[in-house]
Amino acid sequence: MVRLVSMPAVLVTRTYLELRDPGRLLPVELSDPDAHVERVAACPAAFFRFLYTAVGAQHHWVDRLSRTDDEIRAYLARPDISFWVMYRQGAPAGYFELRRDTDAVEIVYFGLLPEFVGRGLGKALLTVAVRRAFELGAARVWLHTCTLDHPAALPNYLARGFRPFKTETYEVVMA
């Protein structure tokens, strides 16, 4: 006999935020001498997948799990995508991904590995992400977060100068 198990549904609120003026960025500089951020120009699919799952597993990041290595490589090779990694003492600590549009840059994904949360690195990494986005010629930098993300995510975005422009609520079935 097959027993069907109902998966719980969770109500989630997604908040979209934007920053239109680089002068409104309230920066936090990277003060940890053992940390730095660099662009990964030819990111291996396995490394991309590692970072995506290491950062997002606790936050129900699932939309990219089914992508093949070829799909990941093709996506990262697009000229409108840039992929940045924060390293601390040689180990990856977090990352962000930028997608450039005509006059806007989206911070598509952003986060830290769990071992690096709570050290102030997220504030500094977001500062770097926003600066890189404006350097790409953005008139507007935007992102979204949701109630499944780390509880410090939304306060960090607001503290750096982002302002909400839209919210939506939806259900997620948790596996």
C-alpha atoms as a PDB file:
ATOM      1  CA  MET A   1       0.000   0.000   0.000  1.00  0.00           C
ATOM      2  CA  VAL A   2       1.236   3.484  -0.919  1.00  0.00           C
ATOM      3  CA  ARG A   3       0.772   6.072   1.766  1.00  0.00           C
ATOM      4  CA  LEU A   4       0.462   9.654   0.607  1.00  0.00           C
ATOM      5  CA  VAL A   5       2.038  12.237   2.846  1.00  0.00           C
ATOM      6  CA  SER A   6       0.897  15.817   2.651  1.00  0.00           C
ATOM      7  CA  MET A   7       3.711  18.363   2.476  1.00  0.00           C
ATOM      8  CA  PRO A   8       3.236  21.514   4.537  1.00  0.00           C
ATOM      9  CA  ALA A   9       2.598  24.763   2.709  1.00  0.00           C
ATOM     10  CA  VAL A  10       4.168  27.950   4.033  1.00  0.00           C
ATOM     11  CA  LEU A  11       2.937  31.462   3.328  1.00  0.00           C
ATOM     12  CA  VAL A  12       5.852  33.549   2.040  1.00  0.00           C
ATOM     13  CA  THR A  13       6.167  37.289   1.508  1.00  0.00           C
ATOM     14  CA  ARG A  14       8.555  38.465  -1.198  1.00  0.00           C
ATOM     15  CA  THR A  15       9.790  42.053  -1.030  1.00  0.00           C
ATOM     16  CA  TYR A  16      11.304  43.826  -4.034  1.00  0.00           C
ATOM     17  CA  LEU A  17      13.769  46.614  -3.242  1.00  0.00           C
ATOM     18  CA  GLU A  18      15.677  49.156  -5.289  1.00  0.00           C
ATOM     19  CA  LEU A  19      18.426  51.716  -5.007  1.00  0.00           C
ATOM     20  CA  ARG A  20      18.435  54.429  -7.682  1.00  0.00           C
ATOM     21  CA  ASP A  21      21.164  56.758  -6.472  1.00  0.00           C
ATOM     22  CA  PRO A  22      24.674  55.492  -5.662  1.00  0.00           C
ATOM     23  CA  GLY A  23      24.935  58.367  -3.194  1.00  0.00           C
ATOM     24  CA  ARG A  24      22.183  56.762  -1.092  1.00  0.00           C
ATOM     25  CA  LEU A  25      24.293  53.648  -0.500  1.00  0.00           C
ATOM     26  CA  LEU A  26      25.203  53.491   3.172  1.00  0.00           C
ATOM     27  CA  PRO A  27      28.396  51.474   2.805  1.00  0.00           C
ATOM     28  CA  VAL A  28      30.087  49.102   5.181  1.00  0.00           C
ATOM     29  CA  GLU A  29      33.667  48.572   4.114  1.00  0.00           C
ATOM     30  CA  LEU A  30      35.302  45.160   4.200  1.00  0.00           C
ATOM     31  CA  SER A  31      37.498  45.551   7.271  1.00  0.00           C
ATOM     32  CA  ASP A  32      38.513  41.901   7.615  1.00  0.00           C
ATOM     33  CA  PRO A  33      42.083  41.729   6.256  1.00  0.00           C
ATOM     34  CA  ASP A  34      41.616  38.014   5.570  1.00  0.00           C
ATOM     35  CA  ALA A  35      38.637  38.588   3.240  1.00  0.00           C
ATOM     36  CA  HIS A  36      38.369  39.813  -0.318  1.00  0.00           C
ATOM     37  CA  VAL A  37      35.884  39.715  -3.202  1.00  0.00           C
ATOM     38  CA  GLU A  38      36.757  38.783  -6.751  1.00  0.00           C
ATOM     39  CA  ARG A  39      34.947  38.187  -9.989  1.00  0.00           C
ATOM     40  CA  VAL A  40      34.952  34.612 -11.222  1.00  0.00           C
ATOM     41  CA  ALA A  41      35.084  34.957 -14.986  1.00  0.00           C
ATOM     42  CA  ALA A  42      34.914  31.271 -15.938  1.00  0.00           C
ATOM     43  CA  CYS A  43      33.124  29.705 -13.004  1.00  0.00           C
ATOM     44  CA  PRO A  44      33.020  25.905 -13.129  1.00  0.00           C
ATOM     45  CA  ALA A  45      29.471  24.533 -12.933  1.00  0.00           C
ATOM     46  CA  ALA A  46      30.361  22.421  -9.882  1.00  0.00           C
ATOM     47  CA  PHE A  47      31.642  25.476  -7.989  1.00  0.00           C
ATOM     48  CA  PHE A  48      28.525  27.466  -8.907  1.00  0.00           C
ATOM     49  CA  ARG A  49      26.313  24.583  -7.740  1.00  0.00           C
ATOM     50  CA  PHE A  50      28.323  24.237  -4.509  1.00  0.00           C
ATOM     51  CA  LEU A  51      27.879  27.920  -3.640  1.00  0.00           C
ATOM     52  CA  TYR A  52      24.202  27.936  -4.594  1.00  0.00           C
ATOM     53  CA  THR A  53      23.406  24.958  -2.374  1.00  0.00           C
ATOM     54  CA  ALA A  54      25.742  25.923   0.479  1.00  0.00           C
ATOM     55  CA  VAL A  55      24.240  29.405   0.728  1.00  0.00           C
ATOM     56  CA  GLY A  56      20.660  28.577  -0.191  1.00  0.00           C
ATOM     57  CA  ALA A  57      19.901  25.180   1.331  1.00  0.00           C
ATOM     58  CA  GLN A  58      18.574  26.662   4.572  1.00  0.00           C
ATOM     59  CA  HIS A  59      16.464  29.185   2.653  1.00  0.00           C
ATOM     60  CA  HIS A  60      14.658  26.885   0.219  1.00  0.00           C
ATOM     61  CA  TRP A  61      16.646  27.917  -2.847  1.00  0.00           C
ATOM     62  CA  VAL A  62      15.524  25.210  -5.255  1.00  0.00           C
ATOM     63  CA  ASP A  63      14.881  26.791  -8.653  1.00  0.00           C
ATOM     64  CA  ARG A  64      18.382  26.082 -10.017  1.00  0.00           C
ATOM     65  CA  LEU A  65      18.897  22.598  -8.636  1.00  0.00           C
ATOM     66  CA  SER A  66      17.668  20.897 -11.799  1.00  0.00           C
ATOM     67  CA  ARG A  67      19.992  22.804 -14.151  1.00  0.00           C
ATOM     68  CA  THR A  68      22.585  20.746 -15.974  1.00  0.00           C
ATOM     69  CA  ASP A  69      26.263  21.666 -16.069  1.00  0.00           C
ATOM     70  CA  ASP A  70      25.832  22.806 -19.677  1.00  0.00           C
ATOM     71  CA  GLU A  71      22.903  25.044 -18.723  1.00  0.00           C
ATOM     72  CA  ILE A  72      24.892  26.570 -15.863  1.00  0.00           C
ATOM     73  CA  ARG A  73      27.942  27.188 -18.054  1.00  0.00           C
ATOM     74  CA  ALA A  74      25.802  28.755 -20.799  1.00  0.00           C
ATOM     75  CA  TYR A  75      24.047  31.007 -18.276  1.00  0.00           C
ATOM     76  CA  LEU A  76      27.293  32.189 -16.673  1.00  0.00           C
ATOM     77  CA  ALA A  77      28.847  32.835 -20.093  1.00  0.00           C
ATOM     78  CA  ARG A  78      26.168  35.376 -20.991  1.00  0.00           C
ATOM     79  CA  PRO A  79      27.593  38.912 -21.309  1.00  0.00           C
ATOM     80  CA  ASP A  80      24.898  40.338 -19.011  1.00  0.00           C
ATOM     81  CA  ILE A  81      25.844  38.048 -16.085  1.00  0.00           C
ATOM     82  CA  SER A  82      28.727  38.497 -13.651  1.00  0.00           C
ATOM     83  CA  PHE A  83      29.533  36.198 -10.751  1.00  0.00           C
ATOM     84  CA  TRP A  84      31.458  37.366  -7.685  1.00  0.00           C
ATOM     85  CA  VAL A  85      32.822  35.381  -4.732  1.00  0.00           C
ATOM     86  CA  MET A  86      33.944  36.531  -1.307  1.00  0.00           C
ATOM     87  CA  TYR A  87      36.853  34.530   0.072  1.00  0.00           C
ATOM     88  CA  ARG A  88      38.058  34.510   3.651  1.00  0.00           C
ATOM     89  CA  GLN A  89      41.451  32.960   4.323  1.00  0.00           C
ATOM     90  CA  GLY A  90      41.188  31.261   0.929  1.00  0.00           C
ATOM     91  CA  ALA A  91      37.793  29.634   1.562  1.00  0.00           C
ATOM     92  CA  PRO A  92      34.619  30.788  -0.184  1.00  0.00           C
ATOM     93  CA  ALA A  93      32.504  32.751   2.295  1.00  0.00           C
ATOM     94  CA  GLY A  94      29.685  33.986   0.058  1.00  0.00           C
ATOM     95  CA  TYR A  95      28.770  35.223  -3.365  1.00  0.00           C
ATOM     96  CA  PHE A  96      26.580  37.444  -5.463  1.00  0.00           C
ATOM     97  CA  GLU A  97      25.385  37.331  -9.020  1.00  0.00           C
ATOM     98  CA  LEU A  98      24.576  40.389 -11.117  1.00  0.00           C
ATOM     99  CA  ARG A  99      22.369  40.545 -14.201  1.00  0.00           C
ATOM    100  CA  ARG A 100      22.622  43.715 -16.273  1.00  0.00           C
ATOM    101  CA  ASP A 101      19.627  44.992 -18.207  1.00  0.00           C
ATOM    102  CA  THR A 102      19.371  48.139 -20.322  1.00  0.00           C
ATOM    103  CA  ASP A 103      19.414  50.610 -17.424  1.00  0.00           C
ATOM    104  CA  ALA A 104      19.150  48.371 -14.356  1.00  0.00           C
ATOM    105  CA  VAL A 105      21.220  45.714 -12.644  1.00  0.00           C
ATOM    106  CA  GLU A 106      19.593  43.004 -10.592  1.00  0.00           C
ATOM    107  CA  ILE A 107      21.397  41.382  -7.702  1.00  0.00           C
ATOM    108  CA  VAL A 108      19.993  37.996  -8.651  1.00  0.00           C
ATOM    109  CA  TYR A 109      21.465  35.955  -5.804  1.00  0.00           C
ATOM    110  CA  PHE A 110      23.332  37.111  -2.734  1.00  0.00           C
ATOM    111  CA  GLY A 111      24.370  35.351   0.444  1.00  0.00           C
ATOM    112  CA  LEU A 112      26.920  33.902   2.789  1.00  0.00           C
ATOM    113  CA  LEU A 113      27.746  30.335   3.695  1.00  0.00           C
ATOM    114  CA  PRO A 114      26.302  29.573   7.148  1.00  0.00           C
ATOM    115  CA  GLU A 115      29.744  29.512   8.801  1.00  0.00           C
ATOM    116  CA  PHE A 116      30.287  33.169   7.888  1.00  0.00           C
ATOM    117  CA  VAL A 117      26.918  34.605   8.935  1.00  0.00           C
ATOM    118  CA  GLY A 118      26.944  37.010  11.874  1.00  0.00           C
ATOM    119  CA  ARG A 119      30.433  38.414  11.310  1.00  0.00           C
ATOM    120  CA  GLY A 120      29.431  41.601   9.468  1.00  0.00           C
ATOM    121  CA  LEU A 121      30.589  40.183   6.146  1.00  0.00           C
ATOM    122  CA  GLY A 122      27.115  40.382   4.582  1.00  0.00           C
ATOM    123  CA  LYS A 123      27.015  44.160   4.999  1.00  0.00           C
ATOM    124  CA  ALA A 124      30.393  44.542   3.323  1.00  0.00           C
ATOM    125  CA  LEU A 125      29.556  42.045   0.569  1.00  0.00           C
ATOM    126  CA  LEU A 126      26.332  43.916  -0.220  1.00  0.00           C
ATOM    127  CA  THR A 127      28.288  47.170  -0.421  1.00  0.00           C
ATOM    128  CA  VAL A 128      30.616  45.565  -2.970  1.00  0.00           C
ATOM    129  CA  ALA A 129      27.670  44.153  -4.951  1.00  0.00           C
ATOM    130  CA  VAL A 130      25.940  47.532  -5.164  1.00  0.00           C
ATOM    131  CA  ARG A 131      29.127  49.322  -6.183  1.00  0.00           C
ATOM    132  CA  ARG A 132      29.824  46.747  -8.911  1.00  0.00           C
ATOM    133  CA  ALA A 133      26.237  47.101 -10.157  1.00  0.00           C
ATOM    134  CA  PHE A 134      26.530  50.882 -10.459  1.00  0.00           C
ATOM    135  CA  GLU A 135      29.937  50.483 -12.142  1.00  0.00           C
ATOM    136  CA  LEU A 136      28.121  48.485 -14.842  1.00  0.00           C
ATOM    137  CA  GLY A 137      26.193  51.660 -15.657  1.00  0.00           C
ATOM    138  CA  ALA A 138      23.011  50.948 -13.764  1.00  0.00           C
ATOM    139  CA  ALA A 139      20.566  53.765 -13.178  1.00  0.00           C
ATOM    140  CA  ARG A 140      18.831  51.396 -10.779  1.00  0.00           C
ATOM    141  CA  VAL A 141      19.999  48.417  -8.701  1.00  0.00           C
ATOM    142  CA  TRP A 142      17.300  46.079  -7.519  1.00  0.00           C
ATOM    143  CA  LEU A 143      16.825  42.745  -5.799  1.00  0.00           C
ATOM    144  CA  HIS A 144      14.234  40.742  -3.972  1.00  0.00           C
ATOM    145  CA  THR A 145      14.185  38.818  -0.743  1.00  0.00           C
ATOM    146  CA  CYS A 146      11.563  36.761   1.014  1.00  0.00           C
ATOM    147  CA  THR A 147      10.614  35.546   4.447  1.00  0.00           C
ATOM    148  CA  LEU A 148      12.419  32.248   3.761  1.00  0.00           C
ATOM    149  CA  ASP A 149      15.744  34.107   3.512  1.00  0.00           C
ATOM    150  CA  HIS A 150      17.948  34.793   6.528  1.00  0.00           C
ATOM    151  CA  PRO A 151      16.214  37.140   8.999  1.00  0.00           C
ATOM    152  CA  ALA A 152      19.065  39.660   8.621  1.00  0.00           C
ATOM    153  CA  ALA A 153      18.650  39.919   4.825  1.00  0.00           C
ATOM    154  CA  LEU A 154      15.873  42.505   4.665  1.00  0.00           C
ATOM    155  CA  PRO A 155      17.320  44.675   7.474  1.00  0.00           C
ATOM    156  CA  ASN A 156      20.706  44.629   5.692  1.00  0.00           C
ATOM    157  CA  TYR A 157      19.156  45.779   2.409  1.00  0.00           C
ATOM    158  CA  LEU A 158      17.239  48.555   4.145  1.00  0.00           C
ATOM    159  CA  ALA A 159      20.298  49.650   6.147  1.00  0.00           C
ATOM    160  CA  ARG A 160      22.376  49.942   2.965  1.00  0.00           C
ATOM    161  CA  GLY A 161      19.782  52.342   1.473  1.00  0.00           C
ATOM    162  CA  PHE A 162      17.452  50.091  -0.534  1.00  0.00           C
ATOM    163  CA  ARG A 163      13.761  50.990  -0.530  1.00  0.00           C
ATOM    164  CA  PRO A 164      10.870  48.551  -1.090  1.00  0.00           C
ATOM    165  CA  PHE A 165       8.788  49.062  -4.221  1.00  0.00           C
ATOM    166  CA  LYS A 166       6.602  45.959  -4.296  1.00  0.00           C
ATOM    167  CA  THR A 167       5.546  43.033  -2.135  1.00  0.00           C
ATOM    168  CA  GLU A 168       3.707  39.843  -2.939  1.00  0.00           C
ATOM    169  CA  THR A 169       2.554  36.834  -0.978  1.00  0.00           C
ATOM    170  CA  TYR A 170       2.539  33.244  -2.193  1.00  0.00           C
ATOM    171  CA  GLU A 171       2.591  29.693  -0.855  1.00  0.00           C
ATOM    172  CA  VAL A 172       5.562  27.360  -0.964  1.00  0.00           C
ATOM    173  CA  VAL A 173       5.244  23.639  -0.413  1.00  0.00           C
ATOM    174  CA  MET A 174       8.155  22.621   1.779  1.00  0.00           C
ATOM    175  CA  ALA A 175       9.717  19.274   0.946  1.00  0.00           C
END
